[in-house]
């Protein structure tokens, strides 16, 4: 598939840099990620989510028809997804200077907000639309022989395509999610003030009763089982794209790296950043 779908490309205040108008994203090259240690962590996380969903089902919760599912990217072929943990395919945009670290260690909620802030708490942010992830990425303009990333990705058989951007294709165990249409108050002095307006659109309960690093517990269940993921739905504060946030990196696994170009009216967009330095 040559085109990566994405609506409303290049719009929004969260687009970091502007290199000109563009109307499409096209695949340049892709790599399958094979990292056994990270896969083992994800397998452990999936088993935990599955077990907790079984417990929730015994408490009378409908764990297979949860609001917010399915996601757009589940139509992608080549994956066998586990319904037992509400596993989905999602995307995560990444800058070239962070890509090698993420491939080594996996996505990590402890680094939330380093570049783009945390509108929905300190988690791993994912999307179902490449138009959303494209807002957070910067270009890898040209091959740099001193770059460790480039040494691992490119060679004579796969030369650097120039002016590429990167997006990760990930599996995520959404488990038993909760949904909101509200973002956190950015400049509030206390947690209570920051999180007060962020409530569940399904039952009105607070999303973050204690901190912005852990979602609330599923109501009516003892011992407590915490919601596994947050779905930020369109409406109220959220205008263009849904987002998916997980607060445990063991519930996310990177499967592919995609390098792509921005195009406008059939012409590849040139970007003038200096070559990436590892």
Protein backbone atom coordinates (compact mmCIF):
# COMPACT_ATOMS: atom_id res chain seq x y z
CA UNK A 1 0.00 0.00 0.00
CA UNK A 2 1.72 3.16 -1.21
CA UNK A 3 -0.39 5.76 0.58
CA UNK A 4 -0.74 6.28 4.33
CA UNK A 5 -4.17 7.73 4.90
CA UNK A 6 -4.37 10.90 6.95
CA UNK A 7 -7.07 13.55 7.05
CA UNK A 8 -6.57 17.27 7.67
CA UNK A 9 -2.83 16.95 7.13
CA UNK A 10 -0.57 19.67 8.50
CA UNK A 11 -3.27 21.47 10.48
CA UNK A 12 -3.32 22.41 14.14
CA UNK A 13 -1.20 24.34 16.63
CA UNK A 14 0.62 21.15 17.61
CA UNK A 15 2.39 20.89 14.24
CA UNK A 16 5.98 21.71 15.15
CA UNK A 17 7.38 22.83 11.81
CA UNK A 18 5.95 23.93 8.50
CA UNK A 19 7.70 23.06 5.26
CA UNK A 20 4.85 23.99 2.94
CA UNK A 21 1.43 22.65 2.11
CA UNK A 22 1.02 18.90 1.62
CA UNK A 23 -1.96 16.72 0.85
CA UNK A 24 -0.76 13.12 1.20
CA UNK A 25 1.70 10.79 2.89
CA UNK A 26 3.46 8.08 0.90
CA UNK A 27 5.42 5.08 2.07
CA UNK A 28 9.18 5.19 1.49
CA UNK A 29 10.31 2.00 3.26
CA UNK A 30 9.51 -0.13 6.30
CA UNK A 31 11.20 -2.50 8.74
CA UNK A 32 9.91 -5.33 10.92
CA UNK A 33 11.06 -4.92 14.53
CA UNK A 34 12.42 -8.08 16.17
CA UNK A 35 13.31 -7.50 19.84
CA UNK A 36 12.69 -10.55 21.99
CA UNK A 37 13.12 -8.85 25.37
CA UNK A 38 10.54 -6.19 24.53
CA UNK A 39 8.22 -8.85 23.13
CA UNK A 40 8.52 -10.82 26.37
CA UNK A 41 7.52 -7.72 28.36
CA UNK A 42 4.51 -7.23 26.13
CA UNK A 43 3.51 -10.88 26.41
CA UNK A 44 3.58 -10.53 30.20
CA UNK A 45 1.49 -7.36 30.00
CA UNK A 46 -1.07 -8.99 27.70
CA UNK A 47 -1.46 -11.93 30.11
CA UNK A 48 -2.13 -9.52 32.97
CA UNK A 49 -4.77 -7.62 30.97
CA UNK A 50 -6.43 -10.88 29.91
CA UNK A 51 -6.56 -12.12 33.50
CA UNK A 52 -8.05 -8.86 34.75
CA UNK A 53 -10.65 -8.86 31.97
CA UNK A 54 -11.66 -12.37 33.04
CA UNK A 55 -12.08 -11.08 36.58
CA UNK A 56 -14.14 -8.11 35.38
CA UNK A 57 -16.35 -10.40 33.33
CA UNK A 58 -17.05 -12.49 36.43
CA UNK A 59 -18.14 -9.25 38.12
CA UNK A 60 -20.71 -8.68 35.37
CA UNK A 61 -18.76 -6.23 33.18
CA UNK A 62 -19.09 -6.46 29.40
CA UNK A 63 -15.42 -6.72 28.43
CA UNK A 64 -15.84 -7.64 24.76
CA UNK A 65 -18.11 -4.81 23.59
CA UNK A 66 -16.43 -1.83 25.23
CA UNK A 67 -17.17 1.72 24.00
CA UNK A 68 -14.60 3.19 21.61
CA UNK A 69 -13.80 0.01 19.70
CA UNK A 70 -13.02 -0.91 16.98
CA UNK A 71 -10.26 1.44 15.80
CA UNK A 72 -9.60 2.49 12.20
CA UNK A 73 -6.20 0.83 12.00
CA UNK A 74 -7.55 -2.63 12.83
CA UNK A 75 -8.21 -3.03 9.10
CA UNK A 76 -4.45 -3.36 8.55
CA UNK A 77 -3.58 -6.86 7.38
CA UNK A 78 -0.89 -9.19 8.64
CA UNK A 79 -1.79 -9.18 12.33
CA UNK A 80 -3.62 -11.73 14.45
CA UNK A 81 -5.12 -9.68 17.26
CA UNK A 82 -6.22 -11.05 20.61
CA UNK A 83 -9.81 -10.23 21.51
CA UNK A 84 -9.09 -11.55 24.99
CA UNK A 85 -7.21 -8.33 25.81
CA UNK A 86 -8.94 -6.04 23.26
CA UNK A 87 -5.71 -5.82 21.28
CA UNK A 88 -5.56 -3.20 18.50
CA UNK A 89 -3.14 -1.75 15.95
CA UNK A 90 -2.21 1.89 16.49
CA UNK A 91 0.44 4.42 15.44
CA UNK A 92 3.05 6.53 17.22
CA UNK A 93 4.99 9.31 15.50
CA UNK A 94 8.65 9.66 16.47
CA UNK A 95 11.49 12.04 15.73
CA UNK A 96 14.68 10.52 14.30
CA UNK A 97 16.78 11.48 17.33
CA UNK A 98 14.59 9.25 19.57
CA UNK A 99 13.92 6.38 17.19
CA UNK A 100 16.91 4.18 18.03
CA UNK A 101 16.26 4.46 21.79
CA UNK A 102 12.61 3.50 21.35
CA UNK A 103 13.52 0.50 19.24
CA UNK A 104 15.92 -0.61 21.97
CA UNK A 105 13.79 -0.02 25.09
CA UNK A 106 10.23 0.25 23.75
CA UNK A 107 7.74 3.05 24.34
CA UNK A 108 7.86 4.38 27.89
CA UNK A 109 5.18 6.35 29.74
CA UNK A 110 7.84 7.85 32.03
CA UNK A 111 9.05 10.06 29.17
CA UNK A 112 5.58 11.47 28.49
CA UNK A 113 5.47 15.15 27.61
CA UNK A 114 9.16 15.63 26.84
CA UNK A 115 8.42 17.25 23.48
CA UNK A 116 4.68 17.76 23.19
CA UNK A 117 3.07 18.01 26.62
CA UNK A 118 0.49 15.74 28.21
CA UNK A 119 -3.10 16.68 27.45
CA UNK A 120 -4.37 13.37 28.87
CA UNK A 121 -1.86 12.46 31.57
CA UNK A 122 1.61 10.92 31.65
CA UNK A 123 1.19 7.98 29.30
CA UNK A 124 2.11 6.52 25.94
CA UNK A 125 0.17 8.41 23.26
CA UNK A 126 -1.11 6.53 20.20
CA UNK A 127 -3.38 7.33 17.25
CA UNK A 128 -5.46 5.57 14.64
CA UNK A 129 -4.83 8.17 11.93
CA UNK A 130 -1.45 9.01 10.36
CA UNK A 131 -2.65 12.60 10.11
CA UNK A 132 -2.40 12.79 13.91
CA UNK A 133 1.01 11.20 14.33
CA UNK A 134 2.34 13.36 11.49
CA UNK A 135 1.83 16.42 13.71
CA UNK A 136 4.59 15.33 16.10
CA UNK A 137 7.44 14.30 13.81
CA UNK A 138 10.45 16.06 12.37
CA UNK A 139 12.34 15.10 9.20
CA UNK A 140 15.35 12.90 8.69
CA UNK A 141 16.70 14.83 5.73
CA UNK A 142 19.78 13.00 4.51
CA UNK A 143 22.10 10.10 5.21
CA UNK A 144 24.72 10.68 7.90
CA UNK A 145 27.53 8.09 7.93
CA UNK A 146 28.22 8.79 11.63
CA UNK A 147 24.61 8.07 12.66
CA UNK A 148 24.12 4.75 14.47
CA UNK A 149 20.47 4.81 13.41
CA UNK A 150 21.38 5.17 9.75
CA UNK A 151 23.96 2.40 9.98
CA UNK A 152 21.25 0.06 11.20
CA UNK A 153 18.50 1.09 8.80
CA UNK A 154 20.21 1.87 5.51
CA UNK A 155 22.80 0.32 3.22
CA UNK A 156 23.51 -0.12 -0.48
CA UNK A 157 20.40 -2.25 -0.95
CA UNK A 158 18.20 0.24 0.92
CA UNK A 159 19.66 3.74 0.55
CA UNK A 160 18.39 6.65 2.60
CA UNK A 161 15.28 8.04 0.81
CA UNK A 162 15.91 11.66 1.97
CA UNK A 163 13.34 13.90 3.66
CA UNK A 164 11.62 11.03 5.44
CA UNK A 165 9.57 11.00 8.61
CA UNK A 166 9.00 8.04 10.92
CA UNK A 167 5.93 6.42 12.43
CA UNK A 168 5.80 3.28 14.56
CA UNK A 169 3.14 0.62 14.05
CA UNK A 170 2.33 -0.88 17.44
CA UNK A 171 0.09 -3.45 19.04
CA UNK A 172 -1.70 -2.23 22.15
CA UNK A 173 -3.74 -4.13 24.74
CA UNK A 174 -6.53 -1.63 25.45
CA UNK A 175 -8.18 -3.98 27.94
CA UNK A 176 -11.06 -2.21 29.70
CA UNK A 177 -10.76 1.44 28.61
CA UNK A 178 -12.43 4.59 29.78
CA UNK A 179 -13.31 7.57 27.57
CA UNK A 180 -13.21 11.34 27.86
CA UNK A 181 -13.73 14.42 25.72
CA UNK A 182 -11.86 16.74 28.07
CA UNK A 183 -8.18 17.65 28.40
CA UNK A 184 -6.24 18.50 31.54
CA UNK A 185 -5.93 22.12 32.67
CA UNK A 186 -2.29 22.77 31.81
CA UNK A 187 -1.38 25.56 34.25
CA UNK A 188 -3.31 24.49 37.34
CA UNK A 189 -1.16 24.49 40.49
CA UNK A 190 -2.45 21.27 42.05
CA UNK A 191 -3.40 17.85 40.72
CA UNK A 192 -6.99 18.27 41.88
CA UNK A 193 -7.38 21.53 39.96
CA UNK A 194 -5.61 20.14 36.90
CA UNK A 195 -7.70 16.99 36.69
CA UNK A 196 -11.07 18.23 37.97
CA UNK A 197 -12.66 18.74 34.56
CA UNK A 198 -11.37 15.45 33.07
CA UNK A 199 -14.22 13.05 33.67
CA UNK A 200 -15.50 9.90 32.00
CA UNK A 201 -17.99 10.56 29.23
CA UNK A 202 -19.66 7.24 30.10
CA UNK A 203 -20.33 7.64 33.84
CA UNK A 204 -19.04 11.09 34.83
CA UNK A 205 -16.39 9.69 37.18
CA UNK A 206 -12.95 11.35 37.49
CA UNK A 207 -10.34 9.97 35.09
CA UNK A 208 -7.39 10.68 37.42
CA UNK A 209 -8.50 10.53 41.07
CA UNK A 210 -4.95 10.38 42.51
CA UNK A 211 -2.36 11.30 39.88
CA UNK A 212 -2.06 11.68 36.13
CA UNK A 213 -0.06 8.44 35.93
CA UNK A 214 -2.84 6.00 36.81
CA UNK A 215 -6.43 5.81 35.61
CA UNK A 216 -9.33 5.34 38.00
CA UNK A 217 -10.50 1.95 39.19
CA UNK A 218 -13.39 0.20 37.46
CA UNK A 219 -16.45 1.00 39.61
CA UNK A 220 -18.16 -1.74 41.57
CA UNK A 221 -15.18 -4.13 41.57
CA UNK A 222 -13.21 -5.30 44.62
CA UNK A 223 -10.33 -5.80 44.89
CA UNK A 224 -9.66 -2.83 42.63
CA UNK A 225 -8.86 -3.25 38.95
CA UNK A 226 -7.76 -0.08 37.22
CA UNK A 227 -8.85 0.87 33.72
CA UNK A 228 -6.18 -0.23 31.24
CA UNK A 229 -6.33 2.62 28.72
CA UNK A 230 -7.86 5.99 27.96
CA UNK A 231 -9.65 6.86 24.71
CA UNK A 232 -9.91 10.57 24.00
CA UNK A 233 -13.05 10.85 21.88
CA UNK A 234 -14.04 13.62 19.48
CA UNK A 235 -16.23 16.33 20.97
CA UNK A 236 -15.85 19.25 23.43
CA UNK A 237 -12.05 19.76 23.73
CA UNK A 238 -11.10 17.25 20.99
CA UNK A 239 -11.75 18.41 17.45
CA UNK A 240 -9.93 16.46 14.76
CA UNK A 241 -8.50 13.13 15.91
CA UNK A 242 -9.09 10.51 18.56
CA UNK A 243 -6.14 9.57 20.78
CA UNK A 244 -5.35 6.47 22.81
CA UNK A 245 -3.26 6.68 25.98
CA UNK A 246 -1.76 3.78 27.94
CA UNK A 247 -0.07 4.21 31.30
CA UNK A 248 1.81 0.92 31.38
CA UNK A 249 4.43 0.41 28.68
CA UNK A 250 4.08 -3.37 29.03
CA UNK A 251 0.74 -3.02 27.25
CA UNK A 252 2.37 -1.69 24.05
CA UNK A 253 4.71 -3.37 21.56
CA UNK A 254 6.46 -1.89 18.52
CA UNK A 255 6.07 -4.15 15.48
CA UNK A 256 7.11 -2.00 12.51
CA UNK A 257 8.94 1.20 11.67
CA UNK A 258 7.63 3.08 8.65
CA UNK A 259 9.53 5.83 6.85
CA UNK A 260 7.36 8.06 4.68
CA UNK A 261 7.35 11.22 2.62
CA UNK A 262 4.99 14.16 2.55
CA UNK A 263 3.59 14.96 -0.89
CA UNK A 264 1.71 17.86 -2.36
CA UNK A 265 -0.07 17.50 -5.70
CA UNK A 266 2.09 14.53 -6.62
CA UNK A 267 5.42 16.17 -5.72
CA UNK A 268 7.57 15.07 -2.79
CA UNK A 269 7.97 17.81 -0.20
CA UNK A 270 11.54 18.93 0.36
CA UNK A 271 12.56 19.71 3.94
CA UNK A 272 15.64 21.77 4.71
CA UNK A 273 16.73 20.57 8.16
CA UNK A 274 20.38 19.62 8.52
CA UNK A 275 21.08 15.88 8.40
CA UNK A 276 20.16 14.02 11.56
CA UNK A 277 23.07 13.60 13.94
CA UNK A 278 23.03 10.48 16.14
